[in-house]
């Protein structure tokens, strides 16, 4: 007697075997279909029932990888939606049998507009194959499962061929990771490739700026008020002198009896590390520096913040390691 686990394994094995057959069955018709889709203005993907669900996924995958596409229900198409398409568009029609009546009627109306039709079906002699400019034939594999009735293997095959089409087009278009990120700006890859220092930096009123001739008390107050753990000491013309951190504050009190009498620049200079101590350079970046590059710089230099400067070396922002981690880049 078969157990549920036995059934599950059999289903997966049957579908995997059908996929292997589908890979071997792809031929020149597939290459011709890729050329036709690549030349089209947009791709309309259609199907009914479970094939319609797969068609929606294929349309979404095409769109997200650089091929403008959308799903159109065959019945809705025949009641007005076909007005959205024209001869420059391409129809990708899914039907296991190739005889789905609603899909065939849509295909015939689409052909009257002059656009090419690509059929994905198991029906080698089907009406859909006859009406299609190119037909991608799926292997005539039985549905997986005890009853051989539920759309299982046929859906997996349609989905795999749809993915194959999307990836072949992606390759043909020279679609790169940066292009993918443009379509997925809030995904992990999008954040990593698109986010810049200026997107995450603390700027404007949040920036802890202290002029070189301000007092030590003003330096500490600015550092405390902005709550970023650092103050940026600048020249009178706004150019950066350096950063003053909590560690600098501790060193200053160790070396100077009454630091409150010092101007900010002298306090900064007295707080520098001794010659024998490891040097921590002030690292600056431009506003357009990729956030991932900022993260790499911080990790390599073992620092926790970067000063964002303009072309004249004037601070315009402060970027912390914590900001990058919070943005999901760590």
Protein backbone atom coordinates (compact mmCIF):
# COMPACT_ATOMS: atom_id res chain seq x y z
CA UNK A 1 0.00 0.00 0.00
CA UNK A 2 1.36 3.40 -0.99
CA UNK A 3 1.92 5.96 1.71
CA UNK A 4 1.53 9.74 1.20
CA UNK A 5 5.33 9.97 1.09
CA UNK A 6 5.44 7.34 -1.67
CA UNK A 7 2.88 9.33 -3.68
CA UNK A 8 4.77 12.59 -3.16
CA UNK A 9 8.06 11.13 -4.33
CA UNK A 10 6.43 9.55 -7.36
CA UNK A 11 4.83 12.87 -8.34
CA UNK A 12 8.14 14.73 -8.10
CA UNK A 13 9.99 12.02 -10.04
CA UNK A 14 7.33 11.97 -12.78
CA UNK A 15 7.41 15.74 -13.14
CA UNK A 16 11.23 15.79 -13.17
CA UNK A 17 11.26 13.16 -15.92
CA UNK A 18 8.77 15.20 -17.96
CA UNK A 19 10.93 18.29 -17.55
CA UNK A 20 13.96 16.40 -18.86
CA UNK A 21 11.93 15.39 -21.91
CA UNK A 22 10.79 18.98 -22.41
CA UNK A 23 14.38 20.24 -22.39
CA UNK A 24 15.34 17.76 -25.11
CA UNK A 25 12.24 18.61 -27.16
CA UNK A 26 13.06 22.32 -27.51
CA UNK A 27 14.08 22.96 -31.11
CA UNK A 28 14.30 25.60 -33.82
CA UNK A 29 10.68 26.61 -33.18
CA UNK A 30 11.76 27.85 -29.74
CA UNK A 31 14.54 29.96 -31.25
CA UNK A 32 12.13 31.39 -33.81
CA UNK A 33 9.67 32.22 -31.03
CA UNK A 34 12.39 34.10 -29.13
CA UNK A 35 13.16 36.20 -32.22
CA UNK A 36 9.47 36.99 -32.71
CA UNK A 37 8.93 37.94 -29.07
CA UNK A 38 12.10 40.03 -29.05
CA UNK A 39 10.87 42.05 -32.03
CA UNK A 40 7.42 42.68 -30.54
CA UNK A 41 6.43 45.87 -28.76
CA UNK A 42 4.72 43.96 -25.95
CA UNK A 43 3.77 40.39 -25.13
CA UNK A 44 0.25 39.37 -24.20
CA UNK A 45 0.06 36.06 -22.33
CA UNK A 46 -3.21 34.16 -22.11
CA UNK A 47 -4.64 30.88 -20.88
CA UNK A 48 -7.73 29.56 -19.15
CA UNK A 49 -8.05 27.74 -15.84
CA UNK A 50 -4.75 26.43 -14.46
CA UNK A 51 -3.05 27.46 -17.70
CA UNK A 52 -4.30 30.97 -17.00
CA UNK A 53 -2.64 30.94 -13.59
CA UNK A 54 0.65 29.86 -15.17
CA UNK A 55 0.20 32.53 -17.86
CA UNK A 56 -0.03 35.19 -15.17
CA UNK A 57 3.25 34.04 -13.65
CA UNK A 58 4.95 33.98 -17.06
CA UNK A 59 3.79 37.52 -17.78
CA UNK A 60 5.14 38.70 -14.42
CA UNK A 61 8.50 37.01 -15.03
CA UNK A 62 8.81 38.52 -18.50
CA UNK A 63 8.02 42.00 -17.23
CA UNK A 64 10.50 41.79 -14.38
CA UNK A 65 13.31 40.70 -16.72
CA UNK A 66 12.99 43.40 -19.35
CA UNK A 67 10.24 42.14 -21.69
CA UNK A 68 7.05 44.23 -21.39
CA UNK A 69 4.20 41.75 -20.92
CA UNK A 70 0.83 41.36 -19.27
CA UNK A 71 -1.77 38.67 -18.76
CA UNK A 72 -5.08 38.96 -20.59
CA UNK A 73 -7.97 36.66 -19.75
CA UNK A 74 -9.30 35.16 -23.00
CA UNK A 75 -12.93 35.87 -22.15
CA UNK A 76 -12.23 39.47 -21.09
CA UNK A 77 -10.22 39.88 -24.28
CA UNK A 78 -13.29 39.07 -26.35
CA UNK A 79 -15.37 41.60 -24.42
CA UNK A 80 -13.27 44.71 -24.95
CA UNK A 81 -9.73 44.08 -23.68
CA UNK A 82 -8.50 43.11 -27.13
CA UNK A 83 -8.73 46.82 -27.90
CA UNK A 84 -5.53 47.26 -25.92
CA UNK A 85 -3.40 45.30 -28.41
CA UNK A 86 -2.22 45.81 -31.96
CA UNK A 87 -0.19 44.36 -34.79
CA UNK A 88 3.09 45.22 -33.07
CA UNK A 89 2.20 43.01 -30.12
CA UNK A 90 2.73 39.27 -29.75
CA UNK A 91 0.36 36.73 -28.18
CA UNK A 92 1.70 33.84 -26.12
CA UNK A 93 -1.19 31.34 -25.79
CA UNK A 94 -1.15 28.42 -23.34
CA UNK A 95 -3.41 25.38 -23.66
CA UNK A 96 -2.47 21.82 -22.79
CA UNK A 97 -4.79 20.31 -25.39
CA UNK A 98 -4.56 23.17 -27.86
CA UNK A 99 -8.33 23.00 -28.14
CA UNK A 100 -9.51 25.36 -25.38
CA UNK A 101 -12.41 27.14 -27.07
CA UNK A 102 -12.06 30.51 -25.35
CA UNK A 103 -8.33 30.65 -26.03
CA UNK A 104 -8.83 29.73 -29.69
CA UNK A 105 -11.41 32.48 -30.22
CA UNK A 106 -9.01 35.01 -28.69
CA UNK A 107 -6.20 33.72 -30.93
CA UNK A 108 -8.33 34.15 -34.06
CA UNK A 109 -9.30 37.72 -33.16
CA UNK A 110 -5.69 38.55 -32.30
CA UNK A 111 -4.55 37.23 -35.69
CA UNK A 112 -7.02 39.57 -37.40
CA UNK A 113 -5.13 42.47 -35.82
CA UNK A 114 -1.97 41.26 -37.53
CA UNK A 115 0.08 40.26 -34.48
CA UNK A 116 1.99 36.95 -34.33
CA UNK A 117 0.79 34.11 -32.11
CA UNK A 118 3.03 31.65 -30.29
CA UNK A 119 1.34 28.56 -28.94
CA UNK A 120 2.51 26.43 -26.03
CA UNK A 121 0.70 23.09 -26.10
CA UNK A 122 0.96 19.32 -26.03
CA UNK A 123 -1.41 19.12 -29.01
CA UNK A 124 0.86 18.58 -32.00
CA UNK A 125 -2.14 18.39 -34.39
CA UNK A 126 -4.27 20.83 -32.42
CA UNK A 127 -6.12 23.88 -33.68
CA UNK A 128 -3.85 26.11 -31.58
CA UNK A 129 -0.81 24.67 -33.36
CA UNK A 130 -2.47 25.40 -36.71
CA UNK A 131 -3.21 29.02 -35.80
CA UNK A 132 0.19 29.78 -34.28
CA UNK A 133 3.12 31.24 -36.18
CA UNK A 134 5.41 29.25 -33.90
CA UNK A 135 4.42 26.30 -31.71
CA UNK A 136 6.44 25.21 -28.69
CA UNK A 137 5.40 21.60 -28.25
CA UNK A 138 5.42 20.10 -24.77
CA UNK A 139 6.00 16.35 -24.35
CA UNK A 140 2.82 14.33 -24.18
CA UNK A 141 3.44 13.30 -20.58
CA UNK A 142 0.62 12.10 -18.30
CA UNK A 143 -0.37 14.18 -15.33
CA UNK A 144 1.41 13.14 -12.15
CA UNK A 145 -0.68 11.62 -9.37
CA UNK A 146 -2.83 8.56 -8.75
CA UNK A 147 -5.76 9.61 -10.96
CA UNK A 148 -3.81 11.19 -13.84
CA UNK A 149 -6.43 13.93 -13.90
CA UNK A 150 -5.38 17.04 -11.96
CA UNK A 151 -3.24 19.54 -13.92
CA UNK A 152 0.15 18.81 -12.38
CA UNK A 153 2.83 17.86 -14.89
CA UNK A 154 1.27 19.98 -17.64
CA UNK A 155 1.43 23.09 -15.44
CA UNK A 156 5.03 22.39 -14.45
CA UNK A 157 5.98 22.05 -18.12
CA UNK A 158 4.24 25.29 -19.07
CA UNK A 159 5.92 27.11 -16.22
CA UNK A 160 9.36 25.76 -17.12
CA UNK A 161 8.98 26.75 -20.78
CA UNK A 162 7.80 30.20 -19.72
CA UNK A 163 10.90 30.58 -17.56
CA UNK A 164 13.04 29.35 -20.45
CA UNK A 165 11.53 32.01 -22.72
CA UNK A 166 12.13 34.75 -20.15
CA UNK A 167 15.73 33.73 -19.53
CA UNK A 168 16.52 33.34 -23.24
CA UNK A 169 15.15 36.84 -23.87
CA UNK A 170 17.09 38.17 -20.89
CA UNK A 171 20.29 36.78 -22.38
CA UNK A 172 19.49 38.05 -25.86
CA UNK A 173 18.86 41.57 -24.58
CA UNK A 174 22.08 41.64 -22.56
CA UNK A 175 19.97 42.21 -19.43
CA UNK A 176 22.37 42.73 -16.49
CA UNK A 177 22.03 42.60 -12.71
CA UNK A 178 21.80 46.41 -12.65
CA UNK A 179 18.84 46.26 -15.03
CA UNK A 180 17.15 43.67 -12.84
CA UNK A 181 17.65 45.94 -9.84
CA UNK A 182 15.87 48.78 -11.64
CA UNK A 183 12.75 46.60 -11.82
CA UNK A 184 13.15 45.40 -8.20
CA UNK A 185 14.22 48.53 -6.31
CA UNK A 186 12.91 47.27 -2.97
CA UNK A 187 14.31 43.76 -3.29
CA UNK A 188 17.61 42.79 -1.72
CA UNK A 189 19.47 43.04 -5.02
CA UNK A 190 17.83 46.36 -5.84
CA UNK A 191 18.88 47.87 -2.54
CA UNK A 192 22.43 46.61 -2.95
CA UNK A 193 22.87 47.91 -6.48
CA UNK A 194 20.80 51.09 -6.49
CA UNK A 195 21.20 52.63 -3.05
CA UNK A 196 23.70 55.47 -2.75
CA UNK A 197 25.34 57.23 0.17
CA UNK A 198 23.00 60.19 -0.30
CA UNK A 199 19.98 57.90 0.17
CA UNK A 200 21.02 56.91 3.70
CA UNK A 201 23.14 59.75 5.03
CA UNK A 202 22.19 62.15 7.82
CA UNK A 203 22.12 65.62 6.32
CA UNK A 204 20.86 69.16 6.80
CA UNK A 205 19.85 69.94 10.36
CA UNK A 206 20.91 66.44 11.44
CA UNK A 207 24.54 67.04 10.49
CA UNK A 208 26.78 67.72 13.56
CA UNK A 209 28.94 70.56 12.16
CA UNK A 210 31.36 72.60 14.30
CA UNK A 211 33.52 75.43 12.98
CA UNK A 212 37.21 75.34 13.93
CA UNK A 213 36.94 78.53 16.00
CA UNK A 214 33.90 77.47 18.03
CA UNK A 215 34.47 76.51 21.66
CA UNK A 216 35.04 73.05 23.10
CA UNK A 217 31.71 73.38 24.94
CA UNK A 218 29.96 74.06 21.63
CA UNK A 219 31.72 71.04 20.12
CA UNK A 220 30.48 68.72 22.87
CA UNK A 221 26.98 70.23 22.81
CA UNK A 222 26.69 69.74 19.05
CA UNK A 223 27.95 66.18 19.33
CA UNK A 224 25.47 65.43 22.13
CA UNK A 225 22.51 67.19 20.52
CA UNK A 226 22.78 65.40 17.16
CA UNK A 227 23.23 61.97 18.84
CA UNK A 228 25.32 60.46 16.06
CA UNK A 229 28.38 59.77 18.19
CA UNK A 230 30.58 62.17 16.22
CA UNK A 231 31.06 65.83 15.36
CA UNK A 232 32.54 67.15 12.11
CA UNK A 233 35.10 69.90 12.62
CA UNK A 234 35.32 72.21 9.60
CA UNK A 235 37.32 75.22 8.50
CA UNK A 236 35.73 78.65 8.24
CA UNK A 237 35.05 78.01 4.54
CA UNK A 238 33.25 74.77 5.37
CA UNK A 239 35.95 72.32 4.28
CA UNK A 240 36.42 69.28 6.47
CA UNK A 241 39.24 69.17 9.03
CA UNK A 242 38.27 65.89 10.65
CA UNK A 243 35.90 63.98 12.88
CA UNK A 244 35.69 64.15 16.65
CA UNK A 245 34.33 61.00 18.31
CA UNK A 246 33.62 59.69 21.79
CA UNK A 247 37.08 58.09 21.79
CA UNK A 248 38.65 61.44 20.93
CA UNK A 249 36.80 63.02 23.83
CA UNK A 250 38.25 60.48 26.26
CA UNK A 251 41.79 60.98 24.92
CA UNK A 252 41.43 64.74 25.20
CA UNK A 253 40.53 64.58 28.90
CA UNK A 254 43.48 62.29 29.51
CA UNK A 255 45.89 64.79 27.92
CA UNK A 256 44.49 68.22 28.74
CA UNK A 257 43.64 69.39 32.27
CA UNK A 258 41.03 71.93 31.22
CA UNK A 259 39.92 71.32 27.61
CA UNK A 260 37.02 73.75 27.97
CA UNK A 261 39.39 76.66 27.25
CA UNK A 262 40.31 75.21 23.83
CA UNK A 263 38.73 76.12 20.50
CA UNK A 264 37.34 73.22 18.52
CA UNK A 265 40.35 72.88 16.21
CA UNK A 266 42.84 72.64 19.07
CA UNK A 267 40.61 70.17 20.87
CA UNK A 268 40.57 68.09 17.71
CA UNK A 269 44.37 68.22 17.33
CA UNK A 270 45.03 67.31 20.98
CA UNK A 271 42.74 64.30 20.67
CA UNK A 272 44.62 62.63 17.80
CA UNK A 273 46.08 59.18 18.36
CA UNK A 274 49.68 58.94 19.52
CA UNK A 275 52.33 58.10 16.88
CA UNK A 276 52.59 54.49 18.08
CA UNK A 277 48.85 53.86 17.98
CA UNK A 278 46.99 52.51 14.93
CA UNK A 279 46.01 55.39 12.67
CA UNK A 280 42.37 55.86 11.75
CA UNK A 281 42.11 57.97 8.64
CA UNK A 282 39.13 60.18 8.00
CA UNK A 283 37.29 58.47 5.16
CA UNK A 284 35.16 60.56 2.85
CA UNK A 285 32.92 59.60 -0.04
CA UNK A 286 30.80 61.43 -2.57
CA UNK A 287 27.00 61.45 -2.38
CA UNK A 288 26.67 59.13 -5.39
CA UNK A 289 28.97 56.44 -3.96
CA UNK A 290 27.12 53.07 -3.95
CA UNK A 291 26.08 52.07 -0.46
CA UNK A 292 27.67 48.64 -0.86
CA UNK A 293 30.99 50.34 -1.63
CA UNK A 294 30.61 52.41 1.54
CA UNK A 295 30.00 49.23 3.52
CA UNK A 296 33.10 47.58 2.05
CA UNK A 297 35.17 50.66 2.90
CA UNK A 298 33.97 50.68 6.51
CA UNK A 299 34.70 46.99 6.97
CA UNK A 300 38.14 47.21 5.38
CA UNK A 301 39.14 50.26 7.43
CA UNK A 302 37.34 49.03 10.58
CA UNK A 303 35.46 52.31 11.01
CA UNK A 304 31.84 52.97 11.85
CA UNK A 305 31.11 56.13 9.85
CA UNK A 306 31.94 57.95 6.63
CA UNK A 307 31.74 61.65 5.92
CA UNK A 308 29.90 62.47 2.70
CA UNK A 309 31.47 65.51 1.05
CA UNK A 310 30.82 67.62 -2.03
CA UNK A 311 33.34 68.43 -4.75
CA UNK A 312 34.90 71.15 -2.55
CA UNK A 313 35.43 68.73 0.37
CA UNK A 314 32.62 70.29 2.38
CA UNK A 315 30.58 67.84 4.48
CA UNK A 316 27.04 67.36 3.24
CA UNK A 317 26.19 64.20 5.13
CA UNK A 318 27.24 61.53 7.59
CA UNK A 319 26.79 57.83 6.93
CA UNK A 320 27.03 55.29 9.75
CA UNK A 321 27.57 51.55 9.64
CA UNK A 322 24.32 51.22 11.58
CA UNK A 323 22.46 53.00 8.77
CA UNK A 324 23.70 50.46 6.23
CA UNK A 325 22.78 47.55 8.47
CA UNK A 326 19.30 48.96 9.05
CA UNK A 327 18.84 49.25 5.28
CA UNK A 328 19.53 45.52 4.96
CA UNK A 329 22.92 45.82 3.28
CA UNK A 330 24.95 44.11 5.98
